Amino acid sequence: MTDERMQARLTELRREYAVGEGRLRDLLQQESTLRETLLRISGAIQVLEELAGAGSDDVPRNVGTNNGAEPDQQVLKVP
C-alpha cells in the first residue's frame, strides 16, 4: 500500500470513528431519556395500582424486569 493510499485510508477511518462517537453519544442520550420515561411510567403504574386497591391484572406486571439485560445495567422494577 502506498503512502498516499495509507493516508487516505487513515483519514477515512478517523472520519468514520468520529461519526461513530457522535452516534454513540446520541444513543446514550436516548437511553437516558428512555430510562427517565420508564421510571415515570413505573411510578404512575405504582400509584394507580395503590389507588385501585390490590393492583389490577390489566396493568403489566413485568415492567422493568431484567429480560436479558446485562447484570451491570440499572433495571427499573415495579413492585
PDB file of N, CA and C in Angstrom:
ATOM      1  N   MET A   1       0.851  -1.172   0.000  1.00  0.00           N
ATOM      2  CA  MET A   1       0.000   0.000   0.000  1.00  0.00           C
ATOM      3  C   MET A   1       0.898   1.238   0.000  1.00  0.00           C
ATOM      4  N   THR A   2       0.608   2.139  -0.850  1.00  0.00           N
ATOM      5  CA  THR A   2       1.432   3.343  -0.958  1.00  0.00           C
ATOM      6  C   THR A   2       1.122   4.288   0.200  1.00  0.00           C
ATOM      7  N   ASP A   3       2.054   5.214   0.418  1.00  0.00           N
ATOM      8  CA  ASP A   3       1.869   6.197   1.488  1.00  0.00           C
ATOM      9  C   ASP A   3       0.613   7.028   1.270  1.00  0.00           C
ATOM     10  N   GLU A   4       0.355   7.363   0.033  1.00  0.00           N
ATOM     11  CA  GLU A   4      -0.822   8.172  -0.287  1.00  0.00           C
ATOM     12  C   GLU A   4      -2.110   7.409   0.026  1.00  0.00           C
ATOM     13  N   ARG A   5      -2.149   6.135  -0.340  1.00  0.00           N
ATOM     14  CA  ARG A   5      -3.325   5.306  -0.066  1.00  0.00           C
ATOM     15  C   ARG A   5      -3.493   5.081   1.430  1.00  0.00           C
ATOM     16  N   MET A   6      -2.382   4.895   2.141  1.00  0.00           N
ATOM     17  CA  MET A   6      -2.458   4.712   3.592  1.00  0.00           C
ATOM     18  C   MET A   6      -2.991   5.972   4.259  1.00  0.00           C
ATOM     19  N   GLN A   7      -2.537   7.115   3.823  1.00  0.00           N
ATOM     20  CA  GLN A   7      -3.012   8.375   4.396  1.00  0.00           C
ATOM     21  C   GLN A   7      -4.497   8.578   4.113  1.00  0.00           C
ATOM     22  N   ALA A   8      -4.921   8.239   2.901  1.00  0.00           N
ATOM     23  CA  ALA A   8      -6.335   8.366   2.553  1.00  0.00           C
ATOM     24  C   ALA A   8      -7.182   7.437   3.423  1.00  0.00           C
ATOM     25  N   ARG A   9      -6.696   6.222   3.604  1.00  0.00           N
ATOM     26  CA  ARG A   9      -7.419   5.253   4.440  1.00  0.00           C
ATOM     27  C   ARG A   9      -7.460   5.714   5.896  1.00  0.00           C
ATOM     28  N   LEU A  10      -6.356   6.235   6.382  1.00  0.00           N
ATOM     29  CA  LEU A  10      -6.293   6.741   7.744  1.00  0.00           C
ATOM     30  C   LEU A  10      -7.284   7.885   7.945  1.00  0.00           C
ATOM     31  N   THR A  11      -7.351   8.781   6.996  1.00  0.00           N
ATOM     32  CA  THR A  11      -8.296   9.898   7.049  1.00  0.00           C
ATOM     33  C   THR A  11      -9.731   9.379   7.067  1.00  0.00           C
ATOM     34  N   GLU A  12     -10.015   8.408   6.213  1.00  0.00           N
ATOM     35  CA  GLU A  12     -11.349   7.814   6.144  1.00  0.00           C
ATOM     36  C   GLU A  12     -11.716   7.137   7.465  1.00  0.00           C
ATOM     37  N   LEU A  13     -10.791   6.391   8.033  1.00  0.00           N
ATOM     38  CA  LEU A  13     -11.065   5.700   9.295  1.00  0.00           C
ATOM     39  C   LEU A  13     -11.280   6.686  10.439  1.00  0.00           C
ATOM     40  N   ARG A  14     -10.506   7.747  10.467  1.00  0.00           N
ATOM     41  CA  ARG A  14     -10.690   8.767  11.514  1.00  0.00           C
ATOM     42  C   ARG A  14     -12.060   9.417  11.394  1.00  0.00           C
ATOM     43  N   ARG A  15     -12.493   9.675  10.163  1.00  0.00           N
ATOM     44  CA  ARG A  15     -13.813  10.258   9.946  1.00  0.00           C
ATOM     45  C   ARG A  15     -14.904   9.294  10.410  1.00  0.00           C
ATOM     46  N   GLU A  16     -14.774   8.034  10.055  1.00  0.00           N
ATOM     47  CA  GLU A  16     -15.750   7.029  10.469  1.00  0.00           C
ATOM     48  C   GLU A  16     -15.784   6.901  11.987  1.00  0.00           C
ATOM     49  N   TYR A  17     -14.633   6.977  12.621  1.00  0.00           N
ATOM     50  CA  TYR A  17     -14.540   6.886  14.071  1.00  0.00           C
ATOM     51  C   TYR A  17     -15.281   8.061  14.718  1.00  0.00           C
ATOM     52  N   ALA A  18     -15.067   9.262  14.194  1.00  0.00           N
ATOM     53  CA  ALA A  18     -15.743  10.447  14.724  1.00  0.00           C
ATOM     54  C   ALA A  18     -17.259  10.335  14.563  1.00  0.00           C
ATOM     55  N   VAL A  19     -17.701   9.840  13.419  1.00  0.00           N
ATOM     56  CA  VAL A  19     -19.130   9.631  13.193  1.00  0.00           C
ATOM     57  C   VAL A  19     -19.669   8.620  14.205  1.00  0.00           C
ATOM     58  N   GLY A  20     -18.940   7.548  14.429  1.00  0.00           N
ATOM     59  CA  GLY A  20     -19.354   6.529  15.399  1.00  0.00           C
ATOM     60  C   GLY A  20     -19.438   7.080  16.813  1.00  0.00           C
ATOM     61  N   GLU A  21     -18.479   7.910  17.188  1.00  0.00           N
ATOM     62  CA  GLU A  21     -18.518   8.525  18.518  1.00  0.00           C
ATOM     63  C   GLU A  21     -19.757   9.407  18.671  1.00  0.00           C
ATOM     64  N   GLY A  22     -20.071  10.166  17.638  1.00  0.00           N
ATOM     65  CA  GLY A  22     -21.258  11.022  17.679  1.00  0.00           C
ATOM     66  C   GLY A  22     -22.527  10.205  17.810  1.00  0.00           C
ATOM     67  N   ARG A  23     -22.597   9.129  17.064  1.00  0.00           N
ATOM     68  CA  ARG A  23     -23.773   8.249  17.124  1.00  0.00           C
ATOM     69  C   ARG A  23     -23.901   7.618  18.504  1.00  0.00           C
ATOM     70  N   LEU A  24     -22.777   7.208  19.085  1.00  0.00           N
ATOM     71  CA  LEU A  24     -22.797   6.615  20.420  1.00  0.00           C
ATOM     72  C   LEU A  24     -23.296   7.630  21.446  1.00  0.00           C
ATOM     73  N   ARG A  25     -22.845   8.877  21.354  1.00  0.00           N
ATOM     74  CA  ARG A  25     -23.331   9.922  22.253  1.00  0.00           C
ATOM     75  C   ARG A  25     -24.839  10.085  22.120  1.00  0.00           C
ATOM     76  N   ASP A  26     -25.332  10.097  20.881  1.00  0.00           N
ATOM     77  CA  ASP A  26     -26.770  10.221  20.652  1.00  0.00           C
ATOM     78  C   ASP A  26     -27.539   9.058  21.280  1.00  0.00           C
ATOM     79  N   LEU A  27     -27.030   7.848  21.091  1.00  0.00           N
ATOM     80  CA  LEU A  27     -27.703   6.671  21.640  1.00  0.00           C
ATOM     81  C   LEU A  27     -27.694   6.682  23.163  1.00  0.00           C
ATOM     82  N   LEU A  28     -26.602   7.118  23.766  1.00  0.00           N
ATOM     83  CA  LEU A  28     -26.538   7.196  25.225  1.00  0.00           C
ATOM     84  C   LEU A  28     -27.544   8.213  25.754  1.00  0.00           C
ATOM     85  N   GLN A  29     -27.706   9.314  25.045  1.00  0.00           N
ATOM     86  CA  GLN A  29     -28.693  10.320  25.447  1.00  0.00           C
ATOM     87  C   GLN A  29     -30.103   9.754  25.306  1.00  0.00           C
ATOM     88  N   GLN A  30     -30.355   9.029  24.223  1.00  0.00           N
ATOM     89  CA  GLN A  30     -31.666   8.410  24.032  1.00  0.00           C
ATOM     90  C   GLN A  30     -31.944   7.398  25.143  1.00  0.00           C
ATOM     91  N   GLU A  31     -30.909   6.623  25.511  1.00  0.00           N
ATOM     92  CA  GLU A  31     -31.071   5.637  26.584  1.00  0.00           C
ATOM     93  C   GLU A  31     -31.435   6.333  27.888  1.00  0.00           C
ATOM     94  N   SER A  32     -30.742   7.401  28.192  1.00  0.00           N
ATOM     95  CA  SER A  32     -31.009   8.141  29.418  1.00  0.00           C
ATOM     96  C   SER A  32     -32.437   8.681  29.431  1.00  0.00           C
ATOM     97  N   THR A  33     -32.863   9.255  28.330  1.00  0.00           N
ATOM     98  CA  THR A  33     -34.217   9.792  28.222  1.00  0.00           C
ATOM     99  C   THR A  33     -35.248   8.686  28.373  1.00  0.00           C
ATOM    100  N   LEU A  34     -34.992   7.551  27.747  1.00  0.00           N
ATOM    101  CA  LEU A  34     -35.926   6.424  27.832  1.00  0.00           C
ATOM    102  C   LEU A  34     -36.001   5.882  29.254  1.00  0.00           C
ATOM    103  N   ARG A  35     -34.869   5.776  29.930  1.00  0.00           N
ATOM    104  CA  ARG A  35     -34.867   5.307  31.321  1.00  0.00           C
ATOM    105  C   ARG A  35     -35.688   6.248  32.213  1.00  0.00           C
ATOM    106  N   GLU A  36     -35.542   7.546  32.011  1.00  0.00           N
ATOM    107  CA  GLU A  36     -36.325   8.517  32.787  1.00  0.00           C
ATOM    108  C   GLU A  36     -37.815   8.350  32.508  1.00  0.00           C
ATOM    109  N   THR A  37     -38.162   8.142  31.245  1.00  0.00           N
ATOM    110  CA  THR A  37     -39.561   7.939  30.876  1.00  0.00           C
ATOM    111  C   THR A  37     -40.111   6.675  31.519  1.00  0.00           C
ATOM    112  N   LEU A  38     -39.341   5.583  31.454  1.00  0.00           N
ATOM    113  CA  LEU A  38     -39.787   4.331  32.062  1.00  0.00           C
ATOM    114  C   LEU A  38     -39.947   4.473  33.574  1.00  0.00           C
ATOM    115  N   LEU A  39     -39.076   5.233  34.198  1.00  0.00           N
ATOM    116  CA  LEU A  39     -39.176   5.457  35.634  1.00  0.00           C
ATOM    117  C   LEU A  39     -40.466   6.207  35.970  1.00  0.00           C
ATOM    118  N   ARG A  40     -40.789   7.228  35.182  1.00  0.00           N
ATOM    119  CA  ARG A  40     -42.036   7.965  35.400  1.00  0.00           C
ATOM    120  C   ARG A  40     -43.245   7.053  35.188  1.00  0.00           C
ATOM    121  N   ILE A  41     -43.203   6.225  34.129  1.00  0.00           N
ATOM    122  CA  ILE A  41     -44.317   5.318  33.846  1.00  0.00           C
ATOM    123  C   ILE A  41     -44.478   4.311  34.975  1.00  0.00           C
ATOM    124  N   SER A  42     -43.365   3.741  35.446  1.00  0.00           N
ATOM    125  CA  SER A  42     -43.465   2.756  36.524  1.00  0.00           C
ATOM    126  C   SER A  42     -44.009   3.403  37.797  1.00  0.00           C
ATOM    127  N   GLY A  43     -43.643   4.664  38.043  1.00  0.00           N
ATOM    128  CA  GLY A  43     -44.197   5.372  39.194  1.00  0.00           C
ATOM    129  C   GLY A  43     -45.695   5.578  39.048  1.00  0.00           C
ATOM    130  N   ALA A  44     -46.129   5.934  37.846  1.00  0.00           N
ATOM    131  CA  ALA A  44     -47.560   6.118  37.595  1.00  0.00           C
ATOM    132  C   ALA A  44     -48.313   4.805  37.763  1.00  0.00           C
ATOM    133  N   ILE A  45     -47.727   3.713  37.287  1.00  0.00           N
ATOM    134  CA  ILE A  45     -48.345   2.393  37.452  1.00  0.00           C
ATOM    135  C   ILE A  45     -48.503   2.076  38.931  1.00  0.00           C
ATOM    136  N   GLN A  46     -47.454   2.324  39.696  1.00  0.00           N
ATOM    137  CA  GLN A  46     -47.489   2.030  41.127  1.00  0.00           C
ATOM    138  C   GLN A  46     -48.591   2.847  41.817  1.00  0.00           C
ATOM    139  N   VAL A  47     -48.679   4.127  41.496  1.00  0.00           N
ATOM    140  CA  VAL A  47     -49.704   4.976  42.102  1.00  0.00           C
ATOM    141  C   VAL A  47     -51.093   4.468  41.746  1.00  0.00           C
ATOM    142  N   LEU A  48     -51.309   4.163  40.463  1.00  0.00           N
ATOM    143  CA  LEU A  48     -52.629   3.688  40.042  1.00  0.00           C
ATOM    144  C   LEU A  48     -52.974   2.346  40.682  1.00  0.00           C
ATOM    145  N   GLU A  49     -51.982   1.466  40.827  1.00  0.00           N
ATOM    146  CA  GLU A  49     -52.232   0.186  41.496  1.00  0.00           C
ATOM    147  C   GLU A  49     -52.620   0.401  42.948  1.00  0.00           C
ATOM    148  N   GLU A  50     -51.929   1.309  43.612  1.00  0.00           N
ATOM    149  CA  GLU A  50     -52.251   1.593  45.010  1.00  0.00           C
ATOM    150  C   GLU A  50     -53.640   2.202  45.125  1.00  0.00           C
ATOM    151  N   LEU A  51     -53.996   3.094  44.198  1.00  0.00           N
ATOM    152  CA  LEU A  51     -55.327   3.694  44.216  1.00  0.00           C
ATOM    153  C   LEU A  51     -56.406   2.663  43.916  1.00  0.00           C
ATOM    154  N   ALA A  52     -56.093   1.695  43.066  1.00  0.00           N
ATOM    155  CA  ALA A  52     -57.059   0.669  42.687  1.00  0.00           C
ATOM    156  C   ALA A  52     -57.255  -0.355  43.798  1.00  0.00           C
ATOM    157  N   GLY A  53     -56.365  -0.380  44.756  1.00  0.00           N
ATOM    158  CA  GLY A  53     -56.516  -1.318  45.866  1.00  0.00           C
ATOM    159  C   GLY A  53     -55.444  -2.376  45.844  1.00  0.00           C
ATOM    160  N   ALA A  54     -55.691  -3.453  45.151  1.00  0.00           N
ATOM    161  CA  ALA A  54     -54.772  -4.586  45.163  1.00  0.00           C
ATOM    162  C   ALA A  54     -53.928  -4.670  43.908  1.00  0.00           C
ATOM    163  N   GLY A  55     -54.062  -3.763  42.975  1.00  0.00           N
ATOM    164  CA  GLY A  55     -53.303  -3.850  41.718  1.00  0.00           C
ATOM    165  C   GLY A  55     -54.065  -4.654  40.696  1.00  0.00           C
ATOM    166  N   SER A  56     -54.397  -4.028  39.618  1.00  0.00           N
ATOM    167  CA  SER A  56     -55.191  -4.652  38.575  1.00  0.00           C
ATOM    168  C   SER A  56     -54.361  -5.610  37.738  1.00  0.00           C
ATOM    169  N   ASP A  57     -54.994  -6.701  37.291  1.00  0.00           N
ATOM    170  CA  ASP A  57     -54.321  -7.632  36.376  1.00  0.00           C
ATOM    171  C   ASP A  57     -54.169  -7.041  34.985  1.00  0.00           C
ATOM    172  N   ASP A  58     -54.901  -5.956  34.687  1.00  0.00           N
ATOM    173  CA  ASP A  58     -54.805  -5.317  33.386  1.00  0.00           C
ATOM    174  C   ASP A  58     -53.503  -4.541  33.217  1.00  0.00           C
ATOM    175  N   VAL A  59     -52.843  -4.210  34.315  1.00  0.00           N
ATOM    176  CA  VAL A  59     -51.586  -3.462  34.274  1.00  0.00           C
ATOM    177  C   VAL A  59     -50.447  -4.466  34.157  1.00  0.00           C
ATOM    178  N   PRO A  60     -49.568  -4.313  33.179  1.00  0.00           N
ATOM    179  CA  PRO A  60     -48.464  -5.269  33.033  1.00  0.00           C
ATOM    180  C   PRO A  60     -47.606  -5.315  34.274  1.00  0.00           C
ATOM    181  N   ARG A  61     -47.324  -6.508  34.768  1.00  0.00           N
ATOM    182  CA  ARG A  61     -46.547  -6.676  35.991  1.00  0.00           C
ATOM    183  C   ARG A  61     -45.068  -6.874  35.718  1.00  0.00           C
ATOM    184  N   ASN A  62     -44.658  -7.053  34.468  1.00  0.00           N
ATOM    185  CA  ASN A  62     -43.258  -7.330  34.167  1.00  0.00           C
ATOM    186  C   ASN A  62     -42.500  -6.090  33.725  1.00  0.00           C
ATOM    187  N   VAL A  63     -43.056  -4.912  33.929  1.00  0.00           N
ATOM    188  CA  VAL A  63     -42.370  -3.678  33.546  1.00  0.00           C
ATOM    189  C   VAL A  63     -41.094  -3.569  34.358  1.00  0.00           C
ATOM    190  N   GLY A  64     -39.978  -3.396  33.673  1.00  0.00           N
ATOM    191  CA  GLY A  64     -38.717  -3.200  34.361  1.00  0.00           C
ATOM    192  C   GLY A  64     -38.019  -4.462  34.793  1.00  0.00           C
ATOM    193  N   THR A  65     -38.491  -5.628  34.382  1.00  0.00           N
ATOM    194  CA  THR A  65     -37.781  -6.846  34.735  1.00  0.00           C
ATOM    195  C   THR A  65     -36.518  -6.957  33.915  1.00  0.00           C
ATOM    196  N   ASN A  66     -35.629  -7.797  34.339  1.00  0.00           N
ATOM    197  CA  ASN A  66     -34.315  -7.924  33.723  1.00  0.00           C
ATOM    198  C   ASN A  66     -34.363  -8.909  32.561  1.00  0.00           C
ATOM    199  N   ASN A  67     -35.164  -8.621  31.555  1.00  0.00           N
ATOM    200  CA  ASN A  67     -35.310  -9.502  30.394  1.00  0.00           C
ATOM    201  C   ASN A  67     -34.062  -9.465  29.523  1.00  0.00           C
ATOM    202  N   GLY A  68     -33.021 -10.184  29.923  1.00  0.00           N
ATOM    203  CA  GLY A  68     -31.824 -10.264  29.117  1.00  0.00           C
ATOM    204  C   GLY A  68     -30.876  -9.098  29.278  1.00  0.00           C
ATOM    205  N   ALA A  69     -31.131  -8.202  30.212  1.00  0.00           N
ATOM    206  CA  ALA A  69     -30.245  -7.054  30.400  1.00  0.00           C
ATOM    207  C   ALA A  69     -28.930  -7.513  31.020  1.00  0.00           C
ATOM    208  N   GLU A  70     -27.902  -6.783  30.755  1.00  0.00           N
ATOM    209  CA  GLU A  70     -26.605  -7.070  31.338  1.00  0.00           C
ATOM    210  C   GLU A  70     -26.695  -6.891  32.848  1.00  0.00           C
ATOM    211  N   PRO A  71     -25.950  -7.672  33.618  1.00  0.00           N
ATOM    212  CA  PRO A  71     -26.035  -7.592  35.074  1.00  0.00           C
ATOM    213  C   PRO A  71     -25.685  -6.218  35.627  1.00  0.00           C
ATOM    214  N   ASP A  72     -24.824  -5.456  34.955  1.00  0.00           N
ATOM    215  CA  ASP A  72     -24.421  -4.177  35.498  1.00  0.00           C
ATOM    216  C   ASP A  72     -25.330  -3.037  35.073  1.00  0.00           C
ATOM    217  N   GLN A  73     -26.384  -3.331  34.319  1.00  0.00           N
ATOM    218  CA  GLN A  73     -27.318  -2.290  33.903  1.00  0.00           C
ATOM    219  C   GLN A  73     -28.337  -2.065  34.997  1.00  0.00           C
ATOM    220  N   GLN A  74     -28.718  -0.802  35.178  1.00  0.00           N
ATOM    221  CA  GLN A  74     -29.753  -0.474  36.120  1.00  0.00           C
ATOM    222  C   GLN A  74     -31.082  -0.932  35.540  1.00  0.00           C
ATOM    223  N   VAL A  75     -31.851  -1.656  36.327  1.00  0.00           N
ATOM    224  CA  VAL A  75     -33.126  -2.175  35.865  1.00  0.00           C
ATOM    225  C   VAL A  75     -34.221  -1.597  36.737  1.00  0.00           C
ATOM    226  N   LEU A  76     -35.243  -1.028  36.101  1.00  0.00           N
ATOM    227  CA  LEU A  76     -36.380  -0.483  36.821  1.00  0.00           C
ATOM    228  C   LEU A  76     -37.312  -1.609  37.185  1.00  0.00           C
ATOM    229  N   LYS A  77     -37.802  -1.625  38.428  1.00  0.00           N
ATOM    230  CA  LYS A  77     -38.693  -2.696  38.861  1.00  0.00           C
ATOM    231  C   LYS A  77     -39.963  -2.095  39.431  1.00  0.00           C
ATOM    232  N   VAL A  78     -41.071  -2.744  39.113  1.00  0.00           N
ATOM    233  CA  VAL A  78     -42.350  -2.347  39.650  1.00  0.00           C
ATOM    234  C   VAL A  78     -42.745  -3.391  40.681  1.00  0.00           C
ATOM    235  N   PRO A  79     -43.071  -2.960  41.886  1.00  0.00           N
ATOM    236  CA  PRO A  79     -43.448  -3.943  42.926  1.00  0.00           C
ATOM    237  C   PRO A  79     -44.694  -4.694  42.557  1.00  0.00           C
TER     238      PRO A  79
END
